[in-house]
Protein backbone atom coordinates (compact mmCIF):
# COMPACT_ATOMS: atom_id res chain seq x y z
CA MET A 1 14.62 -67.40 -108.77
CA SER A 2 18.02 -69.10 -108.93
CA ASN A 3 20.99 -68.70 -106.62
CA ASP A 4 22.89 -66.52 -109.10
CA GLN A 5 20.14 -63.95 -108.80
CA LEU A 6 19.67 -61.04 -106.42
CA ALA A 7 16.44 -60.07 -104.65
CA ILE A 8 15.55 -56.54 -103.55
CA ILE A 9 12.63 -56.55 -101.10
CA PHE A 10 10.64 -53.49 -100.10
CA VAL A 11 8.91 -53.91 -96.71
CA SER A 12 5.92 -51.64 -96.13
CA ASN A 13 2.48 -51.45 -94.54
CA GLY A 14 -0.33 -48.93 -95.14
CA PRO A 15 -1.76 -46.97 -98.07
CA GLY A 16 0.09 -43.74 -97.29
CA GLU A 17 3.54 -45.35 -97.28
CA LEU A 18 2.78 -47.35 -100.41
CA ALA A 19 1.66 -44.28 -102.34
CA THR A 20 4.29 -41.79 -101.19
CA TRP A 21 7.35 -43.99 -100.57
CA VAL A 22 7.08 -47.38 -102.23
CA LYS A 23 5.60 -46.50 -105.62
CA PRO A 24 7.93 -43.58 -106.54
CA LEU A 25 11.02 -45.44 -105.28
CA ALA A 26 10.12 -48.58 -107.25
CA LYS A 27 9.56 -46.53 -110.39
CA GLU A 28 12.86 -44.70 -110.01
CA LEU A 29 14.81 -47.87 -109.24
CA HIS A 30 13.47 -49.50 -112.42
CA GLN A 31 14.75 -46.49 -114.35
CA GLN A 32 18.24 -46.61 -112.83
CA ILE A 33 18.89 -50.37 -113.07
CA GLU A 34 17.33 -53.27 -114.97
CA LEU A 35 14.98 -55.19 -112.69
CA LYS A 36 12.46 -57.96 -112.97
CA PRO A 37 9.58 -58.07 -113.72
CA LYS A 38 9.98 -55.27 -116.27
CA SER A 39 13.26 -56.63 -117.60
CA LYS A 40 12.96 -60.35 -118.29
CA THR A 41 16.70 -60.68 -118.84
CA SER A 42 17.66 -59.12 -115.50
CA SER A 43 19.11 -61.21 -112.69
CA ILE A 44 17.69 -58.79 -110.08
CA SER A 45 14.08 -58.93 -108.94
CA LEU A 46 12.08 -56.26 -107.12
CA ASN A 47 9.65 -57.65 -104.53
CA LEU A 48 7.18 -56.25 -102.01
CA VAL A 49 6.44 -57.71 -98.58
CA LEU A 50 3.52 -56.21 -96.66
CA VAL A 51 3.59 -56.42 -92.87
CA PRO A 52 0.88 -56.47 -90.17
CA CYS A 53 -0.22 -52.94 -89.30
CA PRO A 54 -3.33 -51.30 -87.79
CA ASN A 55 -3.09 -48.59 -90.47
CA ALA A 56 -3.47 -51.07 -93.32
CA THR A 57 -6.74 -51.55 -95.20
CA GLY A 58 -6.16 -55.07 -96.51
CA ASN A 59 -6.27 -53.87 -100.12
CA GLU A 60 -2.61 -52.80 -100.36
CA ASN A 61 -1.57 -55.88 -102.36
CA VAL A 62 -4.35 -55.26 -104.90
CA VAL A 63 -3.23 -51.67 -105.39
CA ALA A 64 0.45 -52.61 -105.67
CA LYS A 65 -0.25 -55.29 -108.31
CA LYS A 66 -1.72 -52.65 -110.61
CA TRP A 67 1.63 -50.82 -110.70
CA LEU A 68 3.38 -53.79 -112.40
CA GLN A 69 6.59 -52.99 -110.51
CA PHE A 70 7.06 -56.14 -108.40
CA GLU A 71 7.82 -59.72 -109.35
CA ASN A 72 6.35 -61.01 -106.07
CA ILE A 73 3.97 -59.43 -103.54
CA ILE A 74 3.49 -61.11 -100.16
CA LYS A 75 0.30 -60.19 -98.29
CA ALA A 76 0.45 -58.94 -94.71
CA LYS A 77 -1.60 -61.91 -93.47
CA ASN A 78 1.16 -64.23 -94.73
CA PHE A 79 4.06 -62.38 -93.09
CA TRP A 80 4.54 -64.73 -90.13
CA GLU A 81 4.33 -67.78 -92.36
CA LEU A 82 6.89 -66.14 -94.64
CA LEU A 83 9.29 -65.89 -91.69
CA ILE A 84 8.75 -69.55 -90.78
CA LYS A 85 8.72 -71.02 -94.29
CA PRO A 86 10.12 -68.40 -96.72
CA LYS A 87 10.56 -70.92 -99.56
CA LYS A 88 6.82 -71.66 -99.51
CA PHE A 89 6.13 -68.33 -101.22
CA VAL A 90 9.23 -67.67 -103.32
CA SER A 91 12.43 -69.55 -104.08
CA TRP A 92 14.52 -66.73 -102.65
CA PRO A 93 18.11 -66.45 -103.91
CA SER A 94 21.03 -66.53 -101.47
CA LYS A 95 21.80 -62.83 -102.01
CA GLY A 96 19.51 -59.90 -101.38
CA LEU A 97 18.64 -56.60 -99.76
CA VAL A 98 15.65 -55.82 -97.51
CA ILE A 99 14.58 -52.16 -97.41
CA PHE A 100 12.28 -50.77 -94.72
CA LEU A 101 9.64 -48.42 -96.16
CA GLY A 102 6.88 -48.37 -93.57
CA GLY A 103 5.40 -50.16 -90.59
CA ASP A 104 7.34 -51.39 -87.58
CA GLN A 105 11.07 -51.34 -88.33
CA PHE A 106 11.51 -54.61 -86.45
CA TRP A 107 9.62 -56.55 -89.14
CA SER A 108 12.21 -55.74 -91.80
CA VAL A 109 14.99 -56.58 -89.32
CA LEU A 110 13.42 -60.02 -88.77
CA LEU A 111 12.97 -60.64 -92.49
CA SER A 112 16.53 -59.66 -93.42
CA ALA A 113 17.92 -61.86 -90.64
CA ARG A 114 15.73 -64.81 -91.67
CA LEU A 115 16.79 -64.60 -95.32
CA GLY A 116 20.40 -63.65 -94.55
CA TYR A 117 20.08 -60.46 -96.62
CA LEU A 118 21.52 -56.98 -96.28
CA HIS A 119 19.27 -54.48 -94.52
CA MET A 120 18.54 -50.81 -95.18
CA THR A 121 16.11 -48.46 -93.40
CA TYR A 122 14.49 -45.23 -94.50
CA ALA A 123 14.30 -43.30 -91.22
CA GLU A 124 11.71 -40.53 -91.26
CA TRP A 125 12.10 -39.61 -87.58
CA ILE A 126 14.32 -42.25 -85.92
CA ALA A 127 16.29 -45.41 -86.76
CA ARG A 128 15.17 -47.84 -84.06
CA TRP A 129 17.53 -50.74 -84.83
CA PRO A 130 20.66 -48.99 -86.14
CA PHE A 131 23.13 -51.81 -85.44
CA TRP A 132 21.03 -54.18 -87.57
CA ASN A 133 21.36 -51.92 -90.61
CA ASN A 134 24.03 -52.01 -93.27
CA ARG A 135 22.86 -48.56 -94.34
CA ILE A 136 20.42 -45.97 -93.01
CA VAL A 137 18.99 -43.26 -95.24
CA ALA A 138 17.52 -40.41 -93.24
CA MET A 139 15.06 -37.61 -93.83
CA SER A 140 17.08 -35.09 -91.79
CA GLU A 141 20.35 -34.48 -89.94
CA SER A 142 18.61 -34.83 -86.58
CA ILE A 143 18.34 -38.59 -87.17
CA ILE A 144 22.11 -38.95 -87.49
CA GLU A 145 22.60 -36.99 -84.27
CA LYS A 146 20.52 -39.58 -82.39
CA LEU A 147 22.71 -42.48 -83.57
CA PRO A 148 25.71 -43.85 -81.63
CA ARG A 149 28.78 -42.02 -82.90
CA ARG A 150 30.56 -45.19 -84.03
CA ILE A 151 27.86 -46.05 -86.58
CA GLN A 152 26.95 -42.57 -87.81
CA ASN A 153 29.01 -43.25 -90.94
CA ARG A 154 26.36 -45.82 -91.96
CA CYS A 155 23.77 -43.05 -92.27
CA SER A 156 23.28 -40.47 -95.00
CA VAL A 157 20.65 -37.75 -95.36
CA ILE A 158 18.54 -37.92 -98.52
CA GLY A 159 15.57 -35.70 -97.58
CA ASP A 160 11.79 -36.18 -97.49
CA LEU A 161 10.39 -38.75 -99.92
CA THR A 162 6.90 -37.26 -99.60
CA ALA A 163 8.14 -33.78 -100.45
CA ASP A 164 9.98 -35.17 -103.45
CA LEU A 165 6.78 -36.75 -104.76
CA THR A 166 4.72 -33.56 -104.52
CA HIS A 167 7.30 -31.13 -105.93
CA THR A 168 6.16 -32.01 -109.46
CA ALA A 169 2.46 -31.33 -108.81
CA LYS A 170 0.87 -29.14 -111.47
CA ILE A 171 -2.65 -28.26 -112.62
CA ASP A 172 -3.75 -30.58 -115.44
CA ASP A 173 -7.50 -29.93 -115.34
CA PRO A 174 -8.63 -26.62 -113.76
CA LEU A 175 -11.48 -26.78 -111.27
CA PRO A 176 -14.38 -24.32 -111.67
CA SER A 177 -13.79 -20.96 -110.00
CA GLY A 178 -14.68 -20.53 -106.34
CA LYS A 179 -13.38 -21.32 -102.86
CA TRP A 180 -12.46 -25.01 -102.80
CA ILE A 181 -12.35 -27.20 -99.70
CA ALA A 182 -10.77 -30.67 -99.81
CA LEU A 183 -12.41 -33.25 -97.55
CA MET A 184 -10.07 -36.12 -96.61
CA PRO A 185 -11.93 -38.61 -94.40
CA GLY A 186 -9.24 -41.31 -94.47
CA SER A 187 -8.43 -44.53 -96.30
CA LYS A 188 -9.40 -47.32 -93.90
CA SER A 189 -12.77 -48.41 -92.56
CA ALA A 190 -12.25 -47.26 -88.98
CA LYS A 191 -11.72 -43.68 -90.19
CA LEU A 192 -14.26 -43.73 -93.03
CA LYS A 193 -17.05 -44.85 -90.68
CA ILE A 194 -16.65 -41.55 -88.87
CA GLY A 195 -15.06 -39.30 -91.48
CA ILE A 196 -17.64 -39.69 -94.25
CA PRO A 197 -20.78 -38.77 -92.25
CA PHE A 198 -18.93 -36.13 -90.23
CA PHE A 199 -17.41 -34.35 -93.24
CA LEU A 200 -20.61 -34.56 -95.29
CA ASP A 201 -22.43 -32.79 -92.46
CA VAL A 202 -19.65 -30.19 -92.24
CA ALA A 203 -19.95 -29.60 -96.00
CA ASP A 204 -23.73 -29.06 -95.69
CA LYS A 205 -23.27 -26.53 -92.92
CA ILE A 206 -20.53 -24.63 -94.78
CA SER A 207 -22.57 -24.63 -97.99
CA LYS A 208 -25.54 -23.11 -96.15
CA LEU A 209 -23.43 -20.34 -94.55
CA MET A 210 -21.07 -19.74 -97.48
CA PRO A 211 -22.83 -20.82 -100.72
CA ASP A 212 -19.88 -20.01 -103.00
CA CYS A 213 -17.78 -22.79 -101.43
CA LYS A 214 -17.09 -25.92 -103.44
CA PHE A 215 -15.99 -29.33 -102.20
CA LEU A 216 -13.69 -32.14 -103.31
CA ILE A 217 -13.07 -35.62 -101.92
CA PRO A 218 -9.88 -37.23 -103.31
CA ILE A 219 -10.51 -40.97 -102.99
CA ALA A 220 -7.58 -42.94 -101.58
CA PRO A 221 -6.27 -45.80 -103.77
CA THR A 222 -7.21 -48.42 -101.16
CA THR A 223 -10.89 -47.42 -101.09
CA ASN A 224 -13.57 -46.75 -103.72
CA ILE A 225 -16.88 -45.03 -104.43
CA GLU A 226 -18.87 -48.05 -103.20
CA GLU A 227 -17.30 -47.66 -99.75
CA ILE A 228 -18.07 -43.94 -99.82
CA LYS A 229 -21.71 -44.81 -100.56
CA TYR A 230 -21.86 -47.37 -97.78
CA PHE A 231 -20.37 -45.19 -95.05
CA GLY A 232 -22.58 -42.29 -96.11
CA SER A 233 -25.75 -44.38 -95.85
CA ASN A 234 -27.92 -45.52 -92.94
CA LYS A 235 -26.14 -48.87 -93.04
CA ASN A 236 -23.38 -47.06 -91.17
CA PRO A 237 -24.67 -46.52 -87.57
CA ILE A 238 -22.63 -43.34 -87.17
CA SER A 239 -24.22 -41.85 -90.30
CA ARG A 240 -27.61 -42.00 -88.56
CA GLN A 241 -26.35 -39.51 -85.96
CA TYR A 242 -26.03 -36.76 -88.57
CA LYS A 243 -28.63 -34.97 -90.67
CA SER A 244 -26.55 -35.24 -93.81
CA GLY A 245 -26.18 -38.22 -96.13
CA ILE A 246 -25.72 -39.18 -99.76
CA LYS A 247 -28.60 -38.52 -102.15
CA SER A 248 -26.79 -39.66 -105.29
CA ILE A 249 -23.40 -40.29 -106.90
CA THR A 250 -23.00 -39.93 -110.65
CA ASN A 251 -20.13 -39.74 -113.12
CA ASP A 252 -19.29 -36.37 -114.63
CA ASN A 253 -18.93 -36.96 -118.36
CA HIS A 254 -17.04 -33.71 -118.79
CA LYS A 255 -14.33 -34.36 -116.18
CA GLU A 256 -12.23 -37.50 -116.52
CA ALA A 257 -12.09 -39.58 -113.33
CA ARG A 258 -14.30 -37.14 -111.40
CA GLY A 259 -17.68 -38.14 -110.05
CA ILE A 260 -20.35 -35.98 -108.44
CA LEU A 261 -21.78 -36.66 -105.00
CA ILE A 262 -24.92 -34.82 -103.96
CA THR A 263 -25.97 -34.81 -100.31
CA HIS A 264 -29.55 -34.94 -99.05
CA ASN A 265 -29.24 -31.18 -98.52
CA SER A 266 -28.19 -30.70 -102.17
CA THR A 267 -24.53 -29.91 -101.48
CA VAL A 268 -22.40 -30.86 -104.50
CA ILE A 269 -19.07 -32.60 -103.86
CA LEU A 270 -16.64 -33.67 -106.57
CA LEU A 271 -15.08 -37.13 -106.18
CA GLN A 272 -11.61 -37.58 -107.66
CA GLU A 273 -10.79 -41.25 -108.26
CA LYS A 274 -7.51 -40.61 -110.05
CA TYR A 275 -4.58 -41.00 -107.67
CA PRO A 276 -2.63 -39.03 -106.68
CA ALA A 277 -5.10 -36.15 -106.90
CA TYR A 278 -2.39 -33.48 -106.60
CA SER A 279 -3.65 -31.54 -109.62
CA ASP A 280 -7.00 -30.99 -107.88
CA LEU A 281 -5.63 -30.62 -104.35
CA ILE A 282 -3.26 -27.76 -105.15
CA GLN A 283 -6.28 -25.77 -106.36
CA CYS A 284 -7.97 -26.04 -102.95
CA ASP A 285 -7.89 -23.17 -100.47
CA ILE A 286 -7.98 -25.41 -97.40
CA ALA A 287 -8.34 -29.09 -96.47
CA LEU A 288 -10.24 -30.80 -93.67
CA THR A 289 -8.45 -34.04 -92.89
CA THR A 290 -8.04 -36.89 -90.46
CA VAL A 291 -4.63 -37.74 -88.99
CA GLY A 292 -2.22 -39.84 -91.03
CA ALA A 293 0.13 -39.71 -93.99
CA ASN A 294 -2.27 -37.35 -95.79
CA THR A 295 -1.19 -34.54 -93.42
CA ALA A 296 2.39 -35.01 -94.71
CA GLU A 297 1.16 -34.91 -98.32
CA LEU A 298 -0.90 -31.77 -97.74
CA GLY A 299 2.05 -30.14 -96.00
CA SER A 300 4.34 -30.97 -98.92
CA LEU A 301 1.74 -29.56 -101.33
CA ASN A 302 1.65 -26.40 -99.20
CA ILE A 303 -2.12 -26.66 -98.62
CA PRO A 304 -3.52 -25.15 -95.39
CA MET A 305 -5.43 -27.69 -93.32
CA ILE A 306 -7.46 -28.36 -90.20
CA VAL A 307 -6.89 -31.80 -88.67
CA VAL A 308 -10.09 -33.30 -87.27
CA VAL A 309 -10.59 -36.33 -84.98
CA PRO A 310 -14.06 -36.42 -83.35
CA THR A 311 -13.51 -38.73 -80.36
CA GLN A 312 -17.16 -38.82 -79.28
CA HIS A 313 -17.54 -41.92 -81.44
CA ILE A 314 -16.22 -45.03 -79.69
CA LEU A 315 -15.12 -46.51 -83.02
CA VAL A 316 -12.57 -43.75 -83.44
CA MET A 317 -10.33 -45.73 -81.09
CA GLU A 318 -9.91 -48.37 -83.80
CA ALA A 319 -8.08 -45.76 -85.89
CA TRP A 320 -5.39 -45.11 -83.28
CA ASP A 321 -1.93 -46.41 -84.16
CA GLY A 322 0.04 -49.15 -82.41
CA LEU A 323 -0.97 -51.09 -79.29
CA VAL A 324 -3.78 -48.67 -78.46
CA GLY A 325 -5.46 -49.39 -81.76
CA LEU A 326 -4.99 -53.14 -81.38
CA ILE A 327 -6.62 -53.15 -77.92
CA ALA A 328 -9.45 -50.96 -79.15
CA ARG A 329 -10.27 -53.48 -81.89
CA LEU A 330 -10.73 -56.39 -79.45
CA PRO A 331 -14.52 -57.02 -79.27
CA ILE A 332 -14.66 -57.74 -75.54
CA LEU A 333 -12.27 -55.04 -74.36
CA LYS A 334 -12.97 -52.08 -76.59
CA TRP A 335 -16.17 -50.95 -74.89
CA CYS A 336 -14.76 -51.02 -71.35
CA LEU A 337 -11.30 -49.74 -72.25
CA GLY A 338 -12.13 -47.45 -75.16
CA LEU A 339 -12.99 -44.37 -73.15
CA LEU A 340 -10.04 -44.86 -70.80
CA ILE A 341 -7.65 -45.25 -73.73
CA SER A 342 -8.98 -42.07 -75.35
CA PHE A 343 -8.77 -40.09 -72.13
CA VAL A 344 -5.14 -41.10 -71.47
CA LYS A 345 -4.09 -40.78 -75.10
CA LEU A 346 -5.59 -37.33 -75.52
CA ARG A 347 -4.31 -36.04 -72.18
CA LYS A 348 -0.73 -37.13 -72.89
CA ARG A 349 -0.61 -36.96 -76.64
CA GLY A 350 1.93 -34.95 -78.56
CA PHE A 351 1.33 -33.46 -81.98
CA MET A 352 -0.56 -35.70 -84.41
CA ALA A 353 -0.25 -33.87 -87.75
CA TRP A 354 3.06 -34.44 -89.55
CA PRO A 355 3.76 -30.71 -90.13
CA ASN A 356 3.44 -30.11 -86.38
CA ILE A 357 5.58 -33.15 -85.55
CA SER A 358 8.23 -31.97 -87.99
CA ALA A 359 8.25 -28.37 -86.77
CA LYS A 360 7.84 -29.36 -83.10
CA ARG A 361 5.24 -26.60 -82.80
CA MET A 362 1.62 -26.00 -83.80
CA ILE A 363 1.55 -25.02 -87.47
CA VAL A 364 -1.79 -26.53 -88.45
CA PRO A 365 -4.76 -26.63 -86.04
CA GLU A 366 -5.58 -30.03 -84.52
CA ARG A 367 -9.19 -30.35 -83.43
CA ILE A 368 -9.30 -33.55 -81.42
CA GLY A 369 -11.98 -34.33 -78.85
CA HIS A 370 -15.74 -33.99 -78.54
CA ILE A 371 -16.15 -31.63 -81.51
CA THR A 372 -19.22 -30.82 -83.56
CA THR A 373 -19.69 -30.36 -87.28
CA ALA A 374 -20.92 -26.82 -86.64
CA GLU A 375 -17.68 -25.93 -84.85
CA ILE A 376 -15.54 -27.21 -87.72
CA ALA A 377 -17.75 -25.52 -90.31
CA ASN A 378 -17.48 -22.16 -88.54
CA GLU A 379 -13.72 -22.48 -88.09
CA THR A 380 -13.26 -23.36 -91.75
CA ILE A 381 -15.24 -20.29 -92.80
CA ASP A 382 -13.15 -18.14 -90.45
CA TRP A 383 -9.99 -19.36 -92.17
CA LEU A 384 -11.43 -18.78 -95.65
CA ASN A 385 -12.43 -15.25 -94.65
CA SER A 386 -8.90 -14.51 -93.49
CA PRO A 387 -6.50 -14.68 -96.46
CA SER A 388 -3.63 -13.46 -94.27
CA ARG A 389 -4.05 -16.43 -91.90
CA LEU A 390 -4.11 -18.86 -94.84
CA ALA A 391 -1.02 -17.20 -96.27
CA GLY A 392 0.70 -17.46 -92.90
CA GLN A 393 0.03 -21.19 -92.62
CA LYS A 394 1.28 -21.68 -96.19
CA GLU A 395 4.50 -19.87 -95.30
CA ASP A 396 4.97 -22.08 -92.25
CA LEU A 397 4.37 -25.22 -94.31
CA LEU A 398 6.81 -24.04 -96.94
CA SER A 399 9.48 -23.41 -94.31
CA ILE A 400 9.54 -27.09 -93.26
CA ARG A 401 9.20 -28.54 -96.74
CA GLY A 402 12.00 -30.95 -97.63
CA ALA A 403 14.34 -30.49 -100.56
CA LYS A 404 13.56 -32.37 -103.76
CA GLY A 405 15.68 -35.22 -105.08
CA ALA A 406 15.22 -37.68 -102.20
CA THR A 407 14.03 -40.55 -104.43
CA LYS A 408 17.04 -40.34 -106.76
CA LYS A 409 19.40 -40.10 -103.79
CA PHE A 410 17.74 -43.14 -102.22
CA CYS A 411 18.25 -45.19 -105.38
CA LYS A 412 21.89 -44.12 -105.50
CA GLU A 413 22.37 -45.31 -101.91
CA ILE A 414 20.83 -48.69 -102.82
CA ILE A 415 23.13 -49.08 -105.81
CA ASN A 416 26.19 -47.95 -103.81
CA LEU A 417 25.50 -50.53 -101.07
CA LEU A 418 25.04 -53.36 -103.56
CA GLU A 419 28.25 -52.39 -105.37
CA GLU A 420 30.14 -52.03 -102.09
CA LYS A 421 29.12 -55.58 -101.10
CA LYS A 422 29.96 -56.79 -104.62
CA LEU A 423 26.39 -57.89 -105.27
CA LEU A 424 25.97 -55.63 -108.28
CA SER A 425 28.36 -55.68 -111.20
């Protein structure tokens, strides 16, 4: 890069934010203005900086490279070194814009200050460092109301990026007829260790009680079938606590990108490797899911769900967000503090599913605690046997669904800021 160039830097963290925020915004921005690396003649480059985060899998940079949207991608493990010696990684130009798209908002503040760049934040629930922002783009009006009055003019409402992504979902490849249940065990190891064996056992129990049910696992972009195999085998200590397990995984020659998993109890589960799996998900009657960005995606797709976090497994603490998760991952402390952390967190926790957080009331059931696979199987069957309850949850999800067009509005705000500061001709 030379000094007459301009750098746009997306700052993000985990797989959910990359898939639902970063990728669609990068694609749209390339369509609205000429950017490197797609346009070799452009003087503007689009870059991605990943930041430390307990929700990350470590494979985010690999996934992002496949999109061919970014001239440079800085790994999360190099973030602190980037702050200390930014020129070691890229010869950054003197002009630029840092855009927060996931993680701790303070990281993007630090990076913009270190490089001397403009700063913009996408605020889903709150803008934590408003005075450090040249522009804030918000999901809803409530975010503006929380800002000091004298800087509210820096903020504009664009809507829900996740909702914008899922508005275009349509059925490309119909699933066989029947009642379909999506199983979403998570995208990082701490969740998969628990989610895979737990949900496989739930599927076996449902299949025995309600044989016409069919199952689908949409595989997150930061994981793969080999990890599914591993966490469903006896190599995973938690898997040994359940009667279920993986008998075989094969490719289905008749369905592109779908594999077939068969449990030891002969339950058949489709595996969808193509991401996003919206075409398959919107055909499901209900989803069983862990906490995380997938609850926002399911809500935007208007798919009824049950959120499941079985806390009887000590390793579940590693999947908590923030400081709690960091403490729980320390080898010496996690065993003595794990149970205490869980007890306090569960006693004082608020809502954990994004639809419930957004609505500030219980829309989707959250089953968090010492829960069994039999309990979840029975509850799932109860929901499937009650079409009116499913319809009611769908209506509630639809009522909080954001308006489409957020991605285009976001790009317009980026362009407006660059033009306002005379960085874009």
